[in-house]
Amino acid sequence: MKRIIIATAILIVILVSLCLIFAPKQLATPQPLDSIGRYNWPPLSTAGLSDRLIDKEEAKSLIEYNEPAEEPVYTYVYERPSSYEVSPDLTTEEKLQWIIDHESGGDIYANNGNHYLGIGQLQDHHYLSFINMSYQDTLNQANAYELQKQAMLAYIYARYGSVDAAFSHWVNFGFY
């Protein structure tokens, strides 16, 4: 313990010595307080500065000046194909998988602006209505994909009556 105290004291002495050696020789120190209690700092040196004003063009010539680049404007326009190439002999399960692939790529975490969620891009109230569980609750389950698929199928049967009808709607309109 004694060695630690001695080593700390030596380190402090070394640090203070270095600060004194490398400290600026003339520090600006405030003068005594004025009549209202403010410090009177010494005036800044203006040696070498000119009092003449210069215009913008002269200022540009004195420094390297780059005109700000015009920001490019990007506009993304989604052009939905007029038709999708699909095999006419897909099974019902393949049609369902095709919808999942086009809606979310099969990602249970997929979302479109936080309104359309999961593999079927359903709204949260659809999950609550069809499987009595929120979208977030499905993510906490080991079988999240199957739960989301179950909600998606219930939605399809409630809205379209069959996977074939939902698939046809998707192919014709780009959504289901």
N, C-alpha and C. Protein backbone atom coordinates (compact mmCIF):
# COMPACT_ATOMS: atom_id res chain seq x y z
N MET A 1 0.82 -1.19 0.00
CA MET A 1 0.00 0.00 0.00
C MET A 1 0.87 1.26 0.00
N LYS A 2 1.98 1.16 0.79
CA LYS A 2 2.89 2.30 0.88
C LYS A 2 3.52 2.59 -0.48
N ARG A 3 3.84 1.53 -1.23
CA ARG A 3 4.44 1.70 -2.56
C ARG A 3 3.47 2.40 -3.52
N ILE A 4 2.20 2.09 -3.42
CA ILE A 4 1.19 2.70 -4.29
C ILE A 4 1.10 4.19 -4.01
N ILE A 5 1.12 4.56 -2.74
CA ILE A 5 1.04 5.97 -2.37
C ILE A 5 2.27 6.72 -2.87
N ILE A 6 3.43 6.13 -2.72
CA ILE A 6 4.68 6.76 -3.18
C ILE A 6 4.66 6.90 -4.71
N ALA A 7 4.23 5.84 -5.41
CA ALA A 7 4.19 5.88 -6.87
C ALA A 7 3.19 6.94 -7.35
N THR A 8 2.07 7.07 -6.67
CA THR A 8 1.07 8.07 -7.04
C THR A 8 1.63 9.48 -6.82
N ALA A 9 2.31 9.69 -5.73
CA ALA A 9 2.90 10.99 -5.43
C ALA A 9 3.94 11.36 -6.48
N ILE A 10 4.77 10.41 -6.87
CA ILE A 10 5.79 10.66 -7.89
C ILE A 10 5.13 11.00 -9.22
N LEU A 11 4.09 10.30 -9.57
CA LEU A 11 3.37 10.54 -10.82
C LEU A 11 2.76 11.94 -10.83
N ILE A 12 2.20 12.36 -9.70
CA ILE A 12 1.62 13.70 -9.61
C ILE A 12 2.69 14.76 -9.78
N VAL A 13 3.84 14.57 -9.16
CA VAL A 13 4.95 15.53 -9.29
C VAL A 13 5.42 15.62 -10.74
N ILE A 14 5.51 14.50 -11.41
CA ILE A 14 5.94 14.48 -12.81
C ILE A 14 4.92 15.22 -13.69
N LEU A 15 3.65 14.95 -13.47
CA LEU A 15 2.60 15.60 -14.26
C LEU A 15 2.58 17.11 -14.05
N VAL A 16 2.70 17.54 -12.81
CA VAL A 16 2.73 18.98 -12.52
C VAL A 16 3.96 19.61 -13.17
N SER A 17 5.09 18.96 -13.10
CA SER A 17 6.31 19.49 -13.72
C SER A 17 6.14 19.63 -15.22
N LEU A 18 5.57 18.61 -15.86
CA LEU A 18 5.35 18.68 -17.31
C LEU A 18 4.39 19.83 -17.66
N CYS A 19 3.37 20.01 -16.86
CA CYS A 19 2.42 21.11 -17.12
C CYS A 19 3.12 22.45 -17.03
N LEU A 20 4.01 22.61 -16.05
CA LEU A 20 4.72 23.88 -15.90
C LEU A 20 5.73 24.10 -17.01
N ILE A 21 6.36 23.03 -17.47
CA ILE A 21 7.35 23.15 -18.54
C ILE A 21 6.69 23.52 -19.86
N PHE A 22 5.59 22.85 -20.18
CA PHE A 22 4.97 23.03 -21.49
C PHE A 22 3.81 24.02 -21.50
N ALA A 23 3.53 24.64 -20.38
CA ALA A 23 2.44 25.62 -20.32
C ALA A 23 2.85 26.86 -21.10
N PRO A 24 1.88 27.56 -21.70
CA PRO A 24 2.20 28.82 -22.40
C PRO A 24 2.83 29.80 -21.41
N LYS A 25 3.79 30.55 -21.91
CA LYS A 25 4.54 31.46 -21.03
C LYS A 25 3.69 32.65 -20.60
N GLN A 26 2.82 33.16 -21.50
CA GLN A 26 2.01 34.31 -21.14
C GLN A 26 0.55 33.91 -21.24
N LEU A 27 -0.05 33.74 -20.14
CA LEU A 27 -1.47 33.42 -20.11
C LEU A 27 -2.25 34.70 -19.91
N ALA A 28 -3.40 34.77 -20.54
CA ALA A 28 -4.26 35.94 -20.32
C ALA A 28 -4.86 35.80 -18.94
N THR A 29 -4.56 36.73 -18.10
CA THR A 29 -5.11 36.69 -16.75
C THR A 29 -6.01 37.90 -16.58
N PRO A 30 -7.13 37.69 -15.93
CA PRO A 30 -8.03 38.82 -15.76
C PRO A 30 -7.44 39.84 -14.79
N GLN A 31 -7.77 41.07 -15.05
CA GLN A 31 -7.40 42.15 -14.15
C GLN A 31 -8.41 42.16 -13.01
N PRO A 32 -8.18 42.93 -12.02
CA PRO A 32 -9.13 42.96 -10.90
C PRO A 32 -10.54 43.30 -11.36
N LEU A 33 -11.50 42.95 -10.54
CA LEU A 33 -12.90 43.21 -10.86
C LEU A 33 -13.15 44.70 -11.03
N ASP A 34 -14.04 45.02 -11.99
CA ASP A 34 -14.41 46.43 -12.15
C ASP A 34 -15.48 46.80 -11.13
N SER A 35 -16.05 47.97 -11.28
CA SER A 35 -16.96 48.49 -10.26
C SER A 35 -18.25 47.68 -10.15
N ILE A 36 -18.62 46.92 -11.19
CA ILE A 36 -19.85 46.13 -11.09
C ILE A 36 -19.58 44.63 -10.98
N GLY A 37 -18.37 44.28 -10.67
CA GLY A 37 -18.05 42.90 -10.38
C GLY A 37 -17.67 42.05 -11.58
N ARG A 38 -17.31 42.64 -12.71
CA ARG A 38 -16.88 41.88 -13.88
C ARG A 38 -15.36 41.90 -13.96
N TYR A 39 -14.78 40.85 -14.53
CA TYR A 39 -13.35 40.84 -14.74
C TYR A 39 -13.03 41.72 -15.94
N ASN A 40 -11.91 42.39 -15.89
CA ASN A 40 -11.40 43.18 -17.01
C ASN A 40 -10.32 42.36 -17.70
N TRP A 41 -10.68 41.70 -18.77
CA TRP A 41 -9.71 40.90 -19.50
C TRP A 41 -8.85 41.81 -20.35
N PRO A 42 -7.56 41.46 -20.52
CA PRO A 42 -6.71 42.30 -21.38
C PRO A 42 -7.24 42.25 -22.81
N PRO A 43 -7.08 43.32 -23.58
CA PRO A 43 -7.59 43.34 -24.96
C PRO A 43 -6.85 42.31 -25.81
N LEU A 44 -7.57 41.76 -26.80
CA LEU A 44 -6.95 40.82 -27.73
C LEU A 44 -6.02 41.58 -28.65
N SER A 45 -4.95 40.94 -29.03
CA SER A 45 -4.00 41.58 -29.92
C SER A 45 -4.55 41.55 -31.34
N THR A 46 -4.46 42.67 -32.02
CA THR A 46 -4.89 42.74 -33.42
C THR A 46 -3.71 43.03 -34.32
N ALA A 47 -2.53 42.74 -33.81
CA ALA A 47 -1.33 43.00 -34.60
C ALA A 47 -1.38 42.23 -35.91
N GLY A 48 -1.09 42.91 -36.99
CA GLY A 48 -1.04 42.26 -38.30
C GLY A 48 -2.38 42.21 -39.00
N LEU A 49 -3.44 42.64 -38.34
CA LEU A 49 -4.75 42.64 -38.98
C LEU A 49 -5.01 44.00 -39.59
N SER A 50 -5.67 43.99 -40.71
CA SER A 50 -5.95 45.24 -41.40
C SER A 50 -7.35 45.71 -41.03
N ASP A 51 -7.55 47.00 -41.06
CA ASP A 51 -8.86 47.57 -40.77
C ASP A 51 -9.72 47.71 -42.02
N ARG A 52 -9.16 47.43 -43.18
CA ARG A 52 -9.95 47.65 -44.39
C ARG A 52 -10.89 46.47 -44.63
N LEU A 53 -12.01 46.77 -45.21
CA LEU A 53 -13.00 45.74 -45.53
C LEU A 53 -12.71 45.19 -46.91
N ILE A 54 -12.98 43.93 -47.10
CA ILE A 54 -12.80 43.33 -48.42
C ILE A 54 -14.14 42.76 -48.88
N ASP A 55 -14.30 42.67 -50.19
CA ASP A 55 -15.56 42.14 -50.72
C ASP A 55 -15.49 40.62 -50.86
N LYS A 56 -16.61 40.04 -51.22
CA LYS A 56 -16.74 38.59 -51.29
C LYS A 56 -15.75 37.97 -52.28
N GLU A 57 -15.58 38.59 -53.43
CA GLU A 57 -14.67 38.04 -54.44
C GLU A 57 -13.22 38.04 -53.96
N GLU A 58 -12.82 39.12 -53.28
CA GLU A 58 -11.45 39.16 -52.74
C GLU A 58 -11.28 38.11 -51.65
N ALA A 59 -12.31 37.92 -50.84
CA ALA A 59 -12.25 36.90 -49.79
C ALA A 59 -12.08 35.52 -50.41
N LYS A 60 -12.80 35.26 -51.51
CA LYS A 60 -12.67 33.97 -52.20
C LYS A 60 -11.25 33.76 -52.71
N SER A 61 -10.61 34.86 -53.16
CA SER A 61 -9.25 34.71 -53.69
C SER A 61 -8.24 34.46 -52.58
N LEU A 62 -8.56 34.89 -51.35
CA LEU A 62 -7.63 34.70 -50.25
C LEU A 62 -7.70 33.31 -49.64
N ILE A 63 -8.81 32.67 -49.80
CA ILE A 63 -8.96 31.33 -49.26
C ILE A 63 -9.44 30.41 -50.38
N GLU A 64 -9.25 29.14 -50.16
CA GLU A 64 -9.78 28.18 -51.14
C GLU A 64 -11.28 28.08 -50.90
N TYR A 65 -12.02 28.45 -51.90
CA TYR A 65 -13.48 28.49 -51.76
C TYR A 65 -14.10 27.60 -52.81
N ASN A 66 -14.94 26.73 -52.38
CA ASN A 66 -15.67 25.86 -53.30
C ASN A 66 -17.15 26.18 -53.21
N GLU A 67 -17.74 26.48 -54.33
CA GLU A 67 -19.18 26.71 -54.35
C GLU A 67 -19.86 25.43 -53.89
N PRO A 68 -20.89 25.56 -53.08
CA PRO A 68 -21.59 24.34 -52.67
C PRO A 68 -22.16 23.61 -53.88
N ALA A 69 -21.94 22.32 -53.88
CA ALA A 69 -22.45 21.51 -54.99
C ALA A 69 -23.97 21.40 -54.87
N GLU A 70 -24.61 21.43 -55.98
CA GLU A 70 -26.07 21.28 -55.96
C GLU A 70 -26.40 19.84 -55.63
N GLU A 71 -27.25 19.68 -54.65
CA GLU A 71 -27.66 18.34 -54.22
C GLU A 71 -28.49 17.68 -55.30
N PRO A 72 -28.15 16.46 -55.67
CA PRO A 72 -29.00 15.77 -56.65
C PRO A 72 -30.33 15.41 -56.01
N VAL A 73 -31.35 15.45 -56.78
CA VAL A 73 -32.68 15.08 -56.30
C VAL A 73 -33.03 13.73 -56.90
N TYR A 74 -33.31 12.78 -56.03
CA TYR A 74 -33.65 11.45 -56.48
C TYR A 74 -35.15 11.22 -56.27
N THR A 75 -35.77 10.73 -57.26
CA THR A 75 -37.17 10.39 -57.16
C THR A 75 -37.32 8.94 -57.57
N TYR A 76 -37.92 8.16 -56.69
CA TYR A 76 -38.13 6.76 -57.00
C TYR A 76 -39.58 6.58 -57.41
N VAL A 77 -39.76 6.05 -58.55
CA VAL A 77 -41.10 5.77 -59.03
C VAL A 77 -41.20 4.28 -59.28
N TYR A 78 -42.10 3.65 -58.57
CA TYR A 78 -42.30 2.22 -58.74
C TYR A 78 -43.27 2.02 -59.89
N GLU A 79 -42.83 1.31 -60.88
CA GLU A 79 -43.71 0.98 -61.98
C GLU A 79 -44.04 -0.50 -61.89
N ARG A 80 -45.27 -0.75 -61.54
CA ARG A 80 -45.72 -2.13 -61.39
C ARG A 80 -45.86 -2.74 -62.77
N PRO A 81 -45.32 -3.92 -62.94
CA PRO A 81 -45.49 -4.58 -64.23
C PRO A 81 -46.98 -4.76 -64.54
N SER A 82 -47.32 -4.68 -65.81
CA SER A 82 -48.73 -4.83 -66.17
C SER A 82 -49.21 -6.25 -65.91
N SER A 83 -48.29 -7.19 -65.90
CA SER A 83 -48.67 -8.55 -65.55
C SER A 83 -47.44 -9.27 -65.01
N TYR A 84 -47.67 -10.30 -64.23
CA TYR A 84 -46.59 -11.08 -63.67
C TYR A 84 -46.54 -12.42 -64.38
N GLU A 85 -45.34 -12.86 -64.63
CA GLU A 85 -45.17 -14.17 -65.25
C GLU A 85 -45.33 -15.22 -64.16
N VAL A 86 -46.41 -15.95 -64.21
CA VAL A 86 -46.63 -17.01 -63.24
C VAL A 86 -47.04 -18.27 -63.96
N SER A 87 -46.62 -19.35 -63.39
CA SER A 87 -46.98 -20.64 -63.98
C SER A 87 -48.45 -20.92 -63.70
N PRO A 88 -49.19 -21.36 -64.70
CA PRO A 88 -50.61 -21.61 -64.49
C PRO A 88 -50.89 -22.84 -63.63
N ASP A 89 -49.89 -23.68 -63.44
CA ASP A 89 -50.15 -24.92 -62.70
C ASP A 89 -49.54 -24.92 -61.29
N LEU A 90 -49.54 -23.74 -60.62
CA LEU A 90 -49.05 -23.68 -59.24
C LEU A 90 -50.08 -24.31 -58.31
N THR A 91 -49.58 -25.00 -57.29
CA THR A 91 -50.48 -25.55 -56.28
C THR A 91 -50.92 -24.41 -55.35
N THR A 92 -51.90 -24.68 -54.53
CA THR A 92 -52.37 -23.67 -53.57
C THR A 92 -51.24 -23.26 -52.63
N GLU A 93 -50.47 -24.23 -52.16
CA GLU A 93 -49.35 -23.92 -51.26
C GLU A 93 -48.30 -23.08 -51.98
N GLU A 94 -48.04 -23.35 -53.25
CA GLU A 94 -47.08 -22.57 -54.03
C GLU A 94 -47.59 -21.14 -54.26
N LYS A 95 -48.89 -21.00 -54.45
CA LYS A 95 -49.47 -19.66 -54.62
C LYS A 95 -49.34 -18.87 -53.32
N LEU A 96 -49.59 -19.52 -52.20
CA LEU A 96 -49.44 -18.85 -50.91
C LEU A 96 -47.98 -18.44 -50.71
N GLN A 97 -47.06 -19.33 -51.02
CA GLN A 97 -45.64 -19.02 -50.88
C GLN A 97 -45.24 -17.88 -51.81
N TRP A 98 -45.82 -17.82 -53.00
CA TRP A 98 -45.54 -16.75 -53.97
C TRP A 98 -45.97 -15.41 -53.37
N ILE A 99 -47.15 -15.37 -52.75
CA ILE A 99 -47.62 -14.14 -52.11
C ILE A 99 -46.66 -13.74 -50.99
N ILE A 100 -46.28 -14.70 -50.15
CA ILE A 100 -45.36 -14.41 -49.05
C ILE A 100 -44.04 -13.86 -49.59
N ASP A 101 -43.52 -14.51 -50.64
CA ASP A 101 -42.26 -14.06 -51.22
C ASP A 101 -42.35 -12.62 -51.72
N HIS A 102 -43.48 -12.28 -52.35
CA HIS A 102 -43.63 -10.94 -52.90
C HIS A 102 -44.01 -9.90 -51.84
N GLU A 103 -44.60 -10.31 -50.74
CA GLU A 103 -44.97 -9.37 -49.69
C GLU A 103 -43.80 -9.08 -48.76
N SER A 104 -43.06 -10.11 -48.38
CA SER A 104 -42.05 -9.92 -47.32
C SER A 104 -40.75 -10.68 -47.55
N GLY A 105 -40.70 -11.50 -48.58
CA GLY A 105 -39.53 -12.35 -48.75
C GLY A 105 -39.43 -13.42 -47.67
N GLY A 106 -40.53 -13.63 -46.95
CA GLY A 106 -40.54 -14.64 -45.90
C GLY A 106 -39.95 -14.17 -44.58
N ASP A 107 -39.70 -12.86 -44.46
CA ASP A 107 -39.09 -12.30 -43.25
C ASP A 107 -40.16 -11.98 -42.22
N ILE A 108 -40.11 -12.64 -41.07
CA ILE A 108 -41.12 -12.42 -40.02
C ILE A 108 -41.02 -11.01 -39.44
N TYR A 109 -39.87 -10.35 -39.61
CA TYR A 109 -39.67 -8.99 -39.09
C TYR A 109 -39.99 -7.91 -40.12
N ALA A 110 -40.39 -8.30 -41.31
CA ALA A 110 -40.64 -7.32 -42.38
C ALA A 110 -41.74 -6.36 -41.95
N ASN A 111 -41.53 -5.08 -42.29
CA ASN A 111 -42.60 -4.10 -42.06
C ASN A 111 -42.54 -3.03 -43.12
N ASN A 112 -43.67 -2.45 -43.38
CA ASN A 112 -43.79 -1.41 -44.37
C ASN A 112 -44.32 -0.18 -43.65
N GLY A 113 -43.41 0.61 -43.12
CA GLY A 113 -43.81 1.81 -42.40
C GLY A 113 -44.50 1.53 -41.08
N ASN A 114 -44.26 0.39 -40.48
CA ASN A 114 -44.83 -0.01 -39.19
C ASN A 114 -46.33 -0.22 -39.22
N HIS A 115 -46.95 -0.22 -40.38
CA HIS A 115 -48.38 -0.48 -40.46
C HIS A 115 -48.67 -1.88 -40.97
N TYR A 116 -47.83 -2.37 -41.85
CA TYR A 116 -48.02 -3.69 -42.44
C TYR A 116 -46.84 -4.55 -42.00
N LEU A 117 -47.14 -5.64 -41.33
CA LEU A 117 -46.12 -6.35 -40.56
C LEU A 117 -46.07 -7.84 -40.88
N GLY A 118 -44.87 -8.40 -40.81
CA GLY A 118 -44.69 -9.84 -40.90
C GLY A 118 -44.72 -10.38 -42.31
N ILE A 119 -44.80 -11.72 -42.40
CA ILE A 119 -44.68 -12.39 -43.70
C ILE A 119 -45.83 -12.06 -44.63
N GLY A 120 -47.01 -11.79 -44.08
CA GLY A 120 -48.17 -11.47 -44.91
C GLY A 120 -48.46 -10.00 -44.98
N GLN A 121 -47.62 -9.17 -44.34
CA GLN A 121 -47.80 -7.72 -44.31
C GLN A 121 -49.21 -7.35 -43.86
N LEU A 122 -49.63 -7.92 -42.75
CA LEU A 122 -50.93 -7.63 -42.17
C LEU A 122 -50.81 -6.50 -41.15
N GLN A 123 -51.90 -5.83 -40.89
CA GLN A 123 -51.91 -4.83 -39.83
C GLN A 123 -52.06 -5.55 -38.49
N ASP A 124 -51.62 -4.89 -37.45
CA ASP A 124 -51.62 -5.54 -36.13
C ASP A 124 -53.02 -6.01 -35.73
N HIS A 125 -54.04 -5.23 -36.07
CA HIS A 125 -55.39 -5.64 -35.66
C HIS A 125 -55.83 -6.94 -36.35
N HIS A 126 -55.24 -7.26 -37.51
CA HIS A 126 -55.53 -8.54 -38.15
C HIS A 126 -54.99 -9.70 -37.32
N TYR A 127 -53.78 -9.53 -36.80
CA TYR A 127 -53.21 -10.58 -35.94
C TYR A 127 -54.11 -10.79 -34.72
N LEU A 128 -54.52 -9.68 -34.11
CA LEU A 128 -55.37 -9.78 -32.92
C LEU A 128 -56.71 -10.44 -33.25
N SER A 129 -57.27 -10.10 -34.41
CA SER A 129 -58.58 -10.66 -34.79
C SER A 129 -58.50 -12.14 -35.14
N PHE A 130 -57.47 -12.51 -35.89
CA PHE A 130 -57.43 -13.86 -36.44
C PHE A 130 -56.72 -14.90 -35.57
N ILE A 131 -55.72 -14.48 -34.80
CA ILE A 131 -55.03 -15.47 -33.95
C ILE A 131 -54.99 -15.04 -32.49
N ASN A 132 -55.71 -13.96 -32.15
CA ASN A 132 -55.82 -13.50 -30.77
C ASN A 132 -54.45 -13.22 -30.16
N MET A 133 -53.58 -12.63 -30.96
CA MET A 133 -52.20 -12.35 -30.53
C MET A 133 -51.71 -11.17 -31.37
N SER A 134 -50.98 -10.25 -30.76
CA SER A 134 -50.45 -9.13 -31.52
C SER A 134 -49.28 -9.59 -32.39
N TYR A 135 -48.93 -8.78 -33.36
CA TYR A 135 -47.77 -9.08 -34.20
C TYR A 135 -46.53 -9.24 -33.33
N GLN A 136 -46.34 -8.31 -32.38
CA GLN A 136 -45.17 -8.36 -31.51
C GLN A 136 -45.13 -9.65 -30.71
N ASP A 137 -46.31 -10.12 -30.28
CA ASP A 137 -46.37 -11.38 -29.53
C ASP A 137 -45.95 -12.56 -30.39
N THR A 138 -46.24 -12.50 -31.71
CA THR A 138 -45.83 -13.63 -32.57
C THR A 138 -44.31 -13.74 -32.61
N LEU A 139 -43.65 -12.59 -32.56
CA LEU A 139 -42.18 -12.60 -32.63
C LEU A 139 -41.54 -13.24 -31.40
N ASN A 140 -42.28 -13.27 -30.30
CA ASN A 140 -41.76 -13.85 -29.07
C ASN A 140 -41.99 -15.36 -28.98
N GLN A 141 -42.55 -15.92 -30.03
CA GLN A 141 -42.84 -17.36 -30.04
C GLN A 141 -41.83 -18.08 -30.94
N ALA A 142 -41.54 -19.32 -30.59
CA ALA A 142 -40.60 -20.12 -31.39
C ALA A 142 -41.17 -20.41 -32.78
N ASN A 143 -42.49 -20.47 -32.89
CA ASN A 143 -43.13 -20.78 -34.17
C ASN A 143 -43.74 -19.52 -34.80
N ALA A 144 -42.99 -18.41 -34.74
CA ALA A 144 -43.48 -17.12 -35.24
C ALA A 144 -43.92 -17.19 -36.70
N TYR A 145 -43.15 -17.86 -37.53
CA TYR A 145 -43.48 -17.96 -38.95
C TYR A 145 -44.84 -18.65 -39.13
N GLU A 146 -45.04 -19.76 -38.44
CA GLU A 146 -46.31 -20.50 -38.57
C GLU A 146 -47.49 -19.70 -38.04
N LEU A 147 -47.29 -18.97 -36.94
CA LEU A 147 -48.36 -18.14 -36.40
C LEU A 147 -48.74 -17.03 -37.38
N GLN A 148 -47.74 -16.39 -37.98
CA GLN A 148 -48.00 -15.34 -38.95
C GLN A 148 -48.68 -15.91 -40.20
N LYS A 149 -48.27 -17.10 -40.60
CA LYS A 149 -48.89 -17.76 -41.74
C LYS A 149 -50.36 -18.09 -41.44
N GLN A 150 -50.62 -18.53 -40.21
CA GLN A 150 -51.99 -18.83 -39.79
C GLN A 150 -52.86 -17.57 -39.85
N ALA A 151 -52.34 -16.44 -39.37
CA ALA A 151 -53.08 -15.18 -39.43
C ALA A 151 -53.30 -14.75 -40.88
N MET A 152 -52.28 -14.94 -41.70
CA MET A 152 -52.38 -14.58 -43.12
C MET A 152 -53.46 -15.41 -43.81
N LEU A 153 -53.47 -16.71 -43.56
CA LEU A 153 -54.49 -17.58 -44.17
C LEU A 153 -55.90 -17.19 -43.71
N ALA A 154 -56.05 -16.88 -42.42
CA ALA A 154 -57.36 -16.46 -41.92
C ALA A 154 -57.81 -15.17 -42.61
N TYR A 155 -56.87 -14.26 -42.81
CA TYR A 155 -57.17 -13.00 -43.51
C TYR A 155 -57.59 -13.29 -44.96
N ILE A 156 -56.83 -14.15 -45.62
CA ILE A 156 -57.14 -14.49 -47.02
C ILE A 156 -58.53 -15.10 -47.14
N TYR A 157 -58.85 -16.05 -46.28
CA TYR A 157 -60.17 -16.70 -46.36
C TYR A 157 -61.29 -15.72 -46.00
N ALA A 158 -61.03 -14.80 -45.06
CA ALA A 158 -62.05 -13.82 -44.69
C ALA A 158 -62.28 -12.81 -45.81
N ARG A 159 -61.24 -12.42 -46.49
CA ARG A 159 -61.38 -11.37 -47.52
C ARG A 159 -61.66 -11.92 -48.91
N TYR A 160 -60.97 -13.00 -49.30
CA TYR A 160 -61.06 -13.50 -50.67
C TYR A 160 -61.78 -14.84 -50.80
N GLY A 161 -61.88 -15.57 -49.73
CA GLY A 161 -62.53 -16.86 -49.79
C GLY A 161 -61.60 -18.02 -50.08
N SER A 162 -60.46 -17.74 -50.75
CA SER A 162 -59.51 -18.81 -51.06
C SER A 162 -58.14 -18.21 -51.39
N VAL A 163 -57.13 -19.05 -51.29
CA VAL A 163 -55.77 -18.64 -51.65
C VAL A 163 -55.72 -18.34 -53.15
N ASP A 164 -56.43 -19.13 -53.96
CA ASP A 164 -56.44 -18.91 -55.41
C ASP A 164 -56.98 -17.52 -55.75
N ALA A 165 -58.05 -17.09 -55.08
CA ALA A 165 -58.63 -15.78 -55.35
C ALA A 165 -57.67 -14.66 -54.88
N ALA A 166 -57.02 -14.85 -53.73
CA ALA A 166 -56.06 -13.86 -53.23
C ALA A 166 -54.87 -13.76 -54.18
N PHE A 167 -54.43 -14.90 -54.68
CA PHE A 167 -53.31 -14.94 -55.63
C PHE A 167 -53.70 -14.21 -56.91
N SER A 168 -54.87 -14.47 -57.43
CA SER A 168 -55.32 -13.80 -58.66
C SER A 168 -55.38 -12.29 -58.45
N HIS A 169 -55.87 -11.88 -57.29
CA HIS A 169 -55.95 -10.44 -56.99
C HIS A 169 -54.54 -9.85 -56.95
N TRP A 170 -53.61 -10.54 -56.33
CA TRP A 170 -52.23 -10.04 -56.24
C TRP A 170 -51.64 -9.89 -57.63
N VAL A 171 -51.81 -10.91 -58.46
CA VAL A 171 -51.25 -10.88 -59.82
C VAL A 171 -51.85 -9.73 -60.63
N ASN A 172 -53.14 -9.47 -60.46
CA ASN A 172 -53.80 -8.42 -61.24
C ASN A 172 -53.58 -7.01 -60.70
N PHE A 173 -53.46 -6.87 -59.38
CA PHE A 173 -53.40 -5.53 -58.79
C PHE A 173 -52.10 -5.21 -58.03
N GLY A 174 -51.25 -6.20 -57.82
CA GLY A 174 -49.97 -5.95 -57.14
C GLY A 174 -50.03 -5.95 -55.63
N PHE A 175 -51.16 -6.36 -55.08
CA PHE A 175 -51.31 -6.50 -53.64
C PHE A 175 -52.46 -7.43 -53.39
N TYR A 176 -52.61 -7.86 -52.15
CA TYR A 176 -53.76 -8.71 -51.81
C TYR A 176 -54.44 -8.17 -50.59
